[in-house]
Amino acid sequence: MAKLQLLNQADAPVVFELAHCDNGMQVAFATLNVPKALNALNLDMIHLLSTQLDAWANDEQVAMVVLKGEGEKAFCAGGDVVSLYKAMAANDGNDHLQTFFAQEYRLDYKIHTYSKPILLWGNGIVMGGGLGLMAGASHKVVTESARIAMPEITIGLYPDVGGSYFLNKMPEGVGLFLGLTGASINASDARYTGLADHFMDADKYGELLAALLGINWDEASSLNHEKLTEALTEFDKNSAQPPKSELKALQPQLTELNTLTGLQAQVDYILALPSDDNKWLARAQKSLKHGSALSAVLVSEQLKAGKNKSLKECFMFELGMSVQAGLSGEFQEGVRALLIDKDGAPQWQFNTVSDVTASAITPFLTPKWDDATHPLADM
């Protein structure tokens, strides 16, 4: 195993390291380092990552970046919603949520637009805010243990971190289905939806590291993107058989879902799909049935709004929605039931999507800032 040069404290919430390659260039490593919390992303971690990525972007010796999580359980299980709950409970939700989400979206956008290759090691749980980091990486690798989801409907939120953009890029009906059900997908599903590029056995990580250090990296980022793709494609060929895709088998039904008019009809259609012999689909249906009806409407509306928006415009739109989530009460109640009191019995504001009122939805869709004063205007 190559010796890595530690750049900060080994117990920091994000650990930064450098490895020296055979040709004198360097590969940089950023490791989310809160394994007991499944590497959930907090504001401190966001600041650390953003600052270090800027430094590496300007370092001519750094050829590429590897972004991974400490431990085998998770790359990143999402954002630190418990801290957001505490801020909402203290009536400080608006300012804290705006700061958190604005900084998170800036980081996500930075990763999406980073000039150097970023290899994301998608091992274990990748959910919510973790998927926001993953979606923007230029080279997304998933392993046999990858479990990827946007389960915000279970906590009264919606698939943010760019979901308005990347859910719309998926095969017909898939983005809507995943947003409404919060379904957990595997490595093959991730490749099918475009959320991952390569599959690799988790125990090949050491071989991957050795291969990265042996690449004849160039100073030109465009060439390094190609070199990394070539190396990862070789690992694709030599990996074990990936798990069976659940989504691909369901594609005819999801294509049909996309033709239905009206969200209630779409929800009814998903819940009526035969799932006696399909535990994965049954779990997805259960999440939809017991999830927030308000969130379901937000999923539908965000996908419509995101269709014609650029990536930056999607993040700007989502920031307004996320700030509103701190005011509406649904998000706070969802986190309380799942993670604070853990009673599993959220008192949602509406029983069905048909019950959701225009007055509840309009504040989410109404711009809170004009283009000049938007917190992400200079992104």
Protein backbone atom coordinates (compact mmCIF):
# COMPACT_ATOMS: atom_id res chain seq x y z
CA MET A 1 0.00 0.00 0.00
CA ALA A 2 1.31 3.44 -0.92
CA LYS A 3 2.36 5.78 1.88
CA LEU A 4 0.03 8.78 2.11
CA GLN A 5 1.16 12.18 3.32
CA LEU A 6 -1.30 13.46 5.95
CA LEU A 7 -2.17 17.15 5.50
CA ASN A 8 -4.30 17.70 8.63
CA GLN A 9 -5.23 15.98 11.89
CA ALA A 10 -6.01 12.27 11.58
CA ASP A 11 -9.12 12.75 13.72
CA ALA A 12 -10.46 15.72 11.72
CA PRO A 13 -14.03 15.33 10.34
CA VAL A 14 -12.51 15.34 6.85
CA VAL A 15 -8.99 13.93 6.47
CA PHE A 16 -6.82 15.20 3.61
CA GLU A 17 -3.86 13.25 2.22
CA LEU A 18 -1.50 13.28 -0.74
CA ALA A 19 0.12 10.34 -2.53
CA HIS A 20 3.17 10.82 -4.77
CA CYS A 21 2.93 9.17 -8.17
CA ASP A 22 5.68 7.50 -10.18
CA ASN A 23 6.01 10.52 -12.51
CA GLY A 24 6.18 13.16 -9.76
CA MET A 25 2.54 14.23 -9.87
CA GLN A 26 0.24 13.73 -6.88
CA VAL A 27 -3.16 12.13 -6.19
CA ALA A 28 -5.14 13.90 -3.47
CA PHE A 29 -7.50 12.15 -1.04
CA ALA A 30 -10.40 13.61 0.94
CA THR A 31 -11.96 11.17 3.41
CA LEU A 32 -15.20 11.95 5.26
CA ASN A 33 -14.24 10.89 8.77
CA VAL A 34 -17.29 10.62 11.02
CA PRO A 35 -18.04 6.88 10.63
CA LYS A 36 -20.15 6.66 13.81
CA ALA A 37 -22.57 9.13 12.19
CA LEU A 38 -22.26 7.32 8.84
CA ASN A 39 -20.19 10.31 7.66
CA ALA A 40 -23.22 12.62 7.70
CA LEU A 41 -22.25 15.98 6.28
CA ASN A 42 -22.17 18.96 8.67
CA LEU A 43 -21.26 22.59 8.08
CA ASP A 44 -17.70 22.15 9.33
CA MET A 45 -17.12 19.30 6.87
CA ILE A 46 -18.58 21.37 4.03
CA HIS A 47 -16.20 24.26 4.77
CA LEU A 48 -13.18 21.95 5.05
CA LEU A 49 -13.94 20.21 1.75
CA SER A 50 -14.66 23.40 -0.15
CA THR A 51 -11.46 25.13 1.02
CA GLN A 52 -9.25 22.12 0.27
CA LEU A 53 -10.76 21.51 -3.16
CA ASP A 54 -9.95 25.13 -4.06
CA ALA A 55 -6.35 24.63 -2.93
CA TRP A 56 -5.98 21.42 -4.95
CA ALA A 57 -7.55 23.03 -8.01
CA ASN A 58 -4.73 25.60 -7.96
CA ASP A 59 -1.94 23.11 -7.23
CA GLU A 60 -0.27 22.10 -10.49
CA GLN A 61 1.20 18.98 -8.87
CA VAL A 62 -2.23 17.54 -8.05
CA ALA A 63 -3.52 15.48 -10.97
CA MET A 64 -6.82 14.28 -9.49
CA VAL A 65 -8.85 13.93 -6.29
CA VAL A 66 -10.31 10.82 -4.63
CA LEU A 67 -13.36 11.46 -2.43
CA LYS A 68 -14.33 8.63 -0.07
CA GLY A 69 -15.79 7.82 3.34
CA GLU A 70 -14.13 6.28 6.40
CA GLY A 71 -15.42 2.83 7.37
CA GLU A 72 -17.21 0.16 5.37
CA LYS A 73 -20.80 1.16 6.18
CA ALA A 74 -21.17 4.44 4.33
CA PHE A 75 -19.63 6.99 2.04
CA CYS A 76 -22.12 9.56 3.40
CA ALA A 77 -25.63 8.89 4.70
CA GLY A 78 -26.81 12.46 4.11
CA GLY A 79 -26.73 15.90 5.67
CA ASP A 80 -26.65 16.49 9.41
CA VAL A 81 -30.41 17.00 9.71
CA VAL A 82 -30.33 16.63 13.49
CA SER A 83 -28.47 19.96 13.76
CA LEU A 84 -31.00 21.48 11.37
CA TYR A 85 -33.82 20.16 13.56
CA LYS A 86 -32.28 21.76 16.65
CA ALA A 87 -32.05 25.09 14.84
CA MET A 88 -35.68 24.85 13.73
CA ALA A 89 -36.78 23.88 17.23
CA ALA A 90 -34.95 26.94 18.61
CA ASN A 91 -36.74 29.17 16.09
CA ASP A 92 -33.42 29.86 14.41
CA GLY A 93 -34.26 27.59 11.49
CA ASN A 94 -34.43 30.14 8.72
CA ASP A 95 -30.92 31.61 9.12
CA HIS A 96 -29.23 28.30 9.94
CA LEU A 97 -30.95 26.40 7.13
CA GLN A 98 -30.10 29.10 4.62
CA THR A 99 -26.43 29.05 5.65
CA PHE A 100 -26.22 25.24 5.66
CA PHE A 101 -27.97 24.64 2.35
CA ALA A 102 -26.28 27.55 0.56
CA GLN A 103 -22.82 26.29 1.56
CA GLU A 104 -23.75 22.68 0.74
CA TYR A 105 -25.05 23.62 -2.71
CA ARG A 106 -21.93 25.70 -3.39
CA LEU A 107 -19.81 22.64 -2.59
CA ASP A 108 -21.94 20.39 -4.79
CA TYR A 109 -21.71 22.89 -7.65
CA LYS A 110 -17.94 23.15 -7.18
CA ILE A 111 -17.66 19.36 -7.56
CA HIS A 112 -19.90 19.36 -10.66
CA THR A 113 -17.74 22.04 -12.32
CA TYR A 114 -14.29 20.99 -11.02
CA SER A 115 -11.70 21.02 -13.80
CA LYS A 116 -9.62 18.13 -12.45
CA PRO A 117 -10.93 14.55 -12.27
CA ILE A 118 -12.73 13.62 -9.04
CA LEU A 119 -13.09 9.90 -8.37
CA LEU A 120 -15.86 9.23 -5.89
CA TRP A 121 -15.62 5.87 -4.11
CA GLY A 122 -19.29 4.94 -3.63
CA ASN A 123 -19.06 2.18 -1.05
CA GLY A 124 -21.92 1.44 1.38
CA ILE A 125 -24.68 3.97 2.05
CA VAL A 126 -24.87 7.02 -0.21
CA MET A 127 -27.97 9.05 0.58
CA GLY A 128 -29.27 12.62 0.42
CA GLY A 129 -26.36 15.00 0.88
CA GLY A 130 -23.95 12.16 0.11
CA LEU A 131 -25.59 11.77 -3.26
CA GLY A 132 -25.19 15.52 -3.78
CA LEU A 133 -21.42 15.03 -3.53
CA MET A 134 -21.50 11.91 -5.68
CA ALA A 135 -23.66 13.30 -8.50
CA GLY A 136 -21.11 15.95 -9.41
CA ALA A 137 -17.99 13.79 -9.43
CA SER A 138 -16.49 13.22 -12.86
CA HIS A 139 -15.80 9.53 -12.18
CA LYS A 140 -18.31 7.77 -9.94
CA VAL A 141 -17.35 4.26 -8.81
CA VAL A 142 -19.80 2.02 -6.94
CA THR A 143 -19.15 -1.27 -5.18
CA GLU A 144 -21.26 -4.33 -4.39
CA SER A 145 -22.28 -2.77 -1.06
CA ALA A 146 -23.52 0.54 -2.52
CA ARG A 147 -26.99 1.54 -1.32
CA ILE A 148 -28.07 4.81 -2.88
CA ALA A 149 -31.25 6.77 -2.16
CA MET A 150 -32.94 10.15 -1.89
CA PRO A 151 -35.32 9.22 0.98
CA GLU A 152 -36.41 12.78 1.83
CA ILE A 153 -40.11 11.92 1.53
CA THR A 154 -39.71 10.05 4.84
CA ILE A 155 -38.61 13.24 6.65
CA GLY A 156 -40.89 15.81 5.01
CA LEU A 157 -38.25 17.27 2.73
CA TYR A 158 -37.64 16.70 -1.02
CA PRO A 159 -34.66 15.45 -3.12
CA ASP A 160 -32.47 18.56 -3.08
CA VAL A 161 -28.66 18.79 -3.64
CA GLY A 162 -29.29 19.08 -7.38
CA GLY A 163 -32.06 16.48 -7.60
CA SER A 164 -34.09 18.90 -9.72
CA TYR A 165 -31.32 18.52 -12.28
CA PHE A 166 -30.08 14.93 -12.09
CA LEU A 167 -33.43 13.20 -11.48
CA ASN A 168 -34.58 14.75 -14.76
CA LYS A 169 -31.63 13.17 -16.61
CA MET A 170 -32.70 9.61 -15.75
CA PRO A 171 -34.66 7.21 -17.99
CA GLU A 172 -38.34 7.97 -18.39
CA GLY A 173 -40.28 7.91 -15.12
CA VAL A 174 -37.30 6.78 -13.05
CA GLY A 175 -36.53 10.13 -11.42
CA LEU A 176 -40.15 10.62 -10.43
CA PHE A 177 -40.37 7.09 -9.01
CA LEU A 178 -37.19 7.44 -6.96
CA GLY A 179 -38.21 10.86 -5.65
CA LEU A 180 -41.68 9.70 -4.63
CA THR A 181 -40.64 6.41 -3.04
CA GLY A 182 -37.16 7.17 -1.71
CA ALA A 183 -36.28 3.69 -3.02
CA SER A 184 -32.80 2.41 -2.21
CA ILE A 185 -30.95 1.34 -5.35
CA ASN A 186 -27.88 -0.83 -5.90
CA ALA A 187 -24.74 -0.45 -7.99
CA SER A 188 -26.34 -1.65 -11.23
CA ASP A 189 -29.32 0.65 -10.72
CA ALA A 190 -26.91 3.52 -10.12
CA ARG A 191 -25.20 2.89 -13.44
CA TYR A 192 -28.57 2.53 -15.17
CA THR A 193 -29.70 5.94 -13.89
CA GLY A 194 -26.41 7.71 -14.60
CA LEU A 195 -25.57 8.15 -10.91
CA ALA A 196 -22.49 5.94 -11.33
CA ASP A 197 -20.01 5.30 -14.13
CA HIS A 198 -18.05 2.25 -13.01
CA PHE A 199 -18.47 -0.87 -10.87
CA MET A 200 -15.65 -2.34 -8.79
CA ASP A 201 -15.31 -4.94 -6.06
CA ALA A 202 -14.69 -3.16 -2.75
CA ASP A 203 -11.66 -5.32 -1.99
CA LYS A 204 -9.96 -3.99 -5.13
CA TYR A 205 -9.44 -0.55 -3.56
CA GLY A 206 -5.77 -1.25 -2.83
CA GLU A 207 -5.21 -2.30 -6.46
CA LEU A 208 -7.02 0.84 -7.58
CA LEU A 209 -4.73 3.03 -5.47
CA ALA A 210 -1.64 1.34 -6.93
CA ALA A 211 -2.99 1.83 -10.44
CA LEU A 212 -3.67 5.52 -9.84
CA LEU A 213 -0.11 6.09 -8.64
CA GLY A 214 1.26 4.33 -11.70
CA ILE A 215 -0.59 6.45 -14.25
CA ASN A 216 1.56 8.86 -16.26
CA TRP A 217 -0.49 11.92 -15.32
CA ASP A 218 -0.34 15.06 -17.44
CA GLU A 219 -0.57 18.72 -16.46
CA ALA A 220 -3.62 19.03 -18.74
CA SER A 221 -6.83 18.13 -16.88
CA SER A 222 -8.60 16.99 -20.07
CA LEU A 223 -5.96 14.31 -20.68
CA ASN A 224 -6.12 13.20 -17.05
CA HIS A 225 -9.89 12.69 -17.33
CA GLU A 226 -9.22 10.31 -20.24
CA LYS A 227 -6.42 8.48 -18.43
CA LEU A 228 -8.62 7.92 -15.37
CA THR A 229 -11.50 6.67 -17.51
CA GLU A 230 -9.20 4.16 -19.21
CA ALA A 231 -7.91 2.85 -15.88
CA LEU A 232 -11.39 2.47 -14.39
CA THR A 233 -12.70 0.76 -17.53
CA GLU A 234 -10.03 -1.92 -17.05
CA PHE A 235 -11.26 -2.51 -13.50
CA ASP A 236 -14.83 -2.77 -14.85
CA LYS A 237 -13.75 -5.67 -17.04
CA ASN A 238 -12.08 -7.53 -14.17
CA SER A 239 -14.72 -7.07 -11.48
CA ALA A 240 -17.21 -9.68 -10.33
CA GLN A 241 -20.76 -9.72 -11.62
CA PRO A 242 -22.64 -6.66 -10.29
CA PRO A 243 -26.04 -7.12 -8.59
CA LYS A 244 -29.20 -7.36 -10.68
CA SER A 245 -30.83 -4.04 -11.54
CA GLU A 246 -34.27 -3.66 -9.99
CA LEU A 247 -35.07 -0.50 -11.95
CA LYS A 248 -34.28 -1.90 -15.38
CA ALA A 249 -36.82 -4.69 -14.90
CA LEU A 250 -39.42 -2.10 -13.88
CA GLN A 251 -38.77 0.28 -16.80
CA PRO A 252 -41.93 -0.56 -18.82
CA GLN A 253 -44.08 0.33 -15.81
CA LEU A 254 -42.08 3.49 -15.13
CA THR A 255 -42.48 4.56 -18.75
CA GLU A 256 -46.22 4.08 -18.29
CA LEU A 257 -46.05 6.08 -15.03
CA ASN A 258 -44.67 9.03 -16.96
CA THR A 259 -47.68 9.10 -19.29
CA LEU A 260 -50.21 9.53 -16.48
CA THR A 261 -51.74 12.94 -15.89
CA GLY A 262 -51.92 14.18 -12.33
CA LEU A 263 -49.84 13.29 -9.29
CA GLN A 264 -52.64 11.42 -7.50
CA ALA A 265 -52.98 9.08 -10.50
CA GLN A 266 -49.22 8.54 -10.51
CA VAL A 267 -49.15 7.77 -6.77
CA ASP A 268 -52.10 5.38 -7.11
CA TYR A 269 -50.37 3.65 -10.04
CA ILE A 270 -47.15 3.06 -8.07
CA LEU A 271 -49.05 1.73 -5.05
CA ALA A 272 -51.06 -0.64 -7.27
CA LEU A 273 -48.02 -2.28 -8.90
CA PRO A 274 -47.91 -6.00 -8.00
CA SER A 275 -45.19 -6.50 -5.39
CA ASP A 276 -45.98 -9.78 -3.62
CA ASP A 277 -42.83 -11.35 -5.06
CA ASN A 278 -40.74 -8.19 -5.04
CA LYS A 279 -39.56 -7.09 -1.58
CA TRP A 280 -37.65 -4.15 -3.03
CA LEU A 281 -40.75 -2.72 -4.73
CA ALA A 282 -42.88 -3.42 -1.65
CA ARG A 283 -40.48 -1.37 0.50
CA ALA A 284 -40.61 1.48 -2.03
CA GLN A 285 -44.42 1.42 -1.97
CA LYS A 286 -44.42 1.47 1.82
CA SER A 287 -42.20 4.56 1.91
CA LEU A 288 -44.51 6.36 -0.50
CA LYS A 289 -47.63 5.32 1.40
CA HIS A 290 -46.31 6.45 4.78
CA GLY A 291 -44.25 9.41 3.55
CA SER A 292 -45.20 13.08 3.49
CA ALA A 293 -47.89 13.96 0.95
CA LEU A 294 -46.53 17.51 0.94
CA SER A 295 -43.10 16.14 0.01
CA ALA A 296 -44.64 14.09 -2.80
CA VAL A 297 -46.15 17.24 -4.30
CA LEU A 298 -42.81 19.04 -3.94
CA VAL A 299 -41.08 16.19 -5.80
CA SER A 300 -43.53 16.54 -8.68
CA GLU A 301 -43.21 20.33 -8.77
CA GLN A 302 -39.41 20.37 -8.55
CA LEU A 303 -39.10 17.95 -11.48
CA LYS A 304 -41.40 20.12 -13.61
CA ALA A 305 -39.49 23.27 -12.66
CA GLY A 306 -36.06 21.70 -13.15
CA LYS A 307 -36.69 20.42 -16.68
CA ASN A 308 -35.64 23.66 -18.37
CA LYS A 309 -33.16 24.96 -15.79
CA SER A 310 -29.38 24.89 -15.87
CA LEU A 311 -27.52 23.21 -13.00
CA LYS A 312 -26.87 26.56 -11.32
CA GLU A 313 -30.51 27.59 -11.73
CA CYS A 314 -31.60 24.31 -10.14
CA PHE A 315 -29.45 24.95 -7.06
CA MET A 316 -30.77 28.52 -6.82
CA PHE A 317 -34.35 27.24 -7.07
CA GLU A 318 -33.73 24.53 -4.46
CA LEU A 319 -32.27 26.97 -1.95
CA GLY A 320 -35.59 28.82 -1.83
CA MET A 321 -37.45 25.53 -1.39
CA SER A 322 -35.11 24.36 1.37
CA VAL A 323 -35.38 27.61 3.32
CA GLN A 324 -39.16 27.32 3.07
CA ALA A 325 -38.89 23.75 4.40
CA GLY A 326 -37.52 25.26 7.61
CA LEU A 327 -40.64 27.37 7.96
CA SER A 328 -43.44 25.00 6.96
CA GLY A 329 -43.10 22.54 9.89
CA GLU A 330 -43.26 19.35 7.81
CA PHE A 331 -39.49 18.86 7.70
CA GLN A 332 -39.16 19.45 11.45
CA GLU A 333 -41.89 16.92 12.18
CA GLY A 334 -40.35 14.32 9.88
CA VAL A 335 -36.92 14.57 11.52
CA ARG A 336 -38.51 14.46 14.97
CA ALA A 337 -40.36 11.23 14.26
CA LEU A 338 -37.47 9.46 12.54
CA LEU A 339 -34.35 10.68 14.35
CA ILE A 340 -35.23 12.59 17.54
CA ASP A 341 -38.11 10.85 19.33
CA LYS A 342 -37.80 7.86 16.96
CA ASP A 343 -41.47 6.98 17.36
CA GLY A 344 -41.89 6.42 13.62
CA ALA A 345 -45.23 8.21 13.70
CA PRO A 346 -44.95 11.61 12.00
CA GLN A 347 -48.06 13.76 12.10
CA TRP A 348 -48.07 14.94 8.50
CA GLN A 349 -50.07 18.01 7.53
CA PHE A 350 -51.97 16.21 4.75
CA ASN A 351 -53.22 12.64 4.35
CA THR A 352 -53.01 12.40 0.54
CA VAL A 353 -51.50 14.41 -2.30
CA SER A 354 -55.03 15.45 -3.31
CA ASP A 355 -55.41 17.11 0.11
CA VAL A 356 -52.32 19.30 -0.31
CA THR A 357 -53.44 22.90 -0.74
CA ALA A 358 -52.08 25.50 -3.12
CA SER A 359 -51.42 27.79 -0.15
CA ALA A 360 -49.07 25.14 1.30
CA ILE A 361 -47.14 24.72 -1.96
CA THR A 362 -46.98 28.28 -3.31
CA PRO A 363 -44.39 29.56 -0.77
CA PHE A 364 -42.01 26.76 -1.86
CA LEU A 365 -42.24 27.80 -5.51
CA THR A 366 -42.22 31.58 -5.03
CA PRO A 367 -38.72 33.12 -5.41
CA LYS A 368 -37.40 34.54 -2.14
CA TRP A 369 -34.75 36.67 -3.83
CA ASP A 370 -34.29 38.29 -7.23
CA ASP A 371 -31.35 37.17 -9.38
CA ALA A 372 -29.07 39.95 -8.12
CA THR A 373 -29.61 39.36 -4.41
CA HIS A 374 -29.77 35.56 -4.45
CA PRO A 375 -27.22 34.00 -2.03
CA LEU A 376 -25.93 31.78 -4.86
CA ALA A 377 -25.89 34.46 -7.56
CA ASP A 378 -22.08 34.60 -7.64
CA MET A 379 -21.63 30.81 -7.73
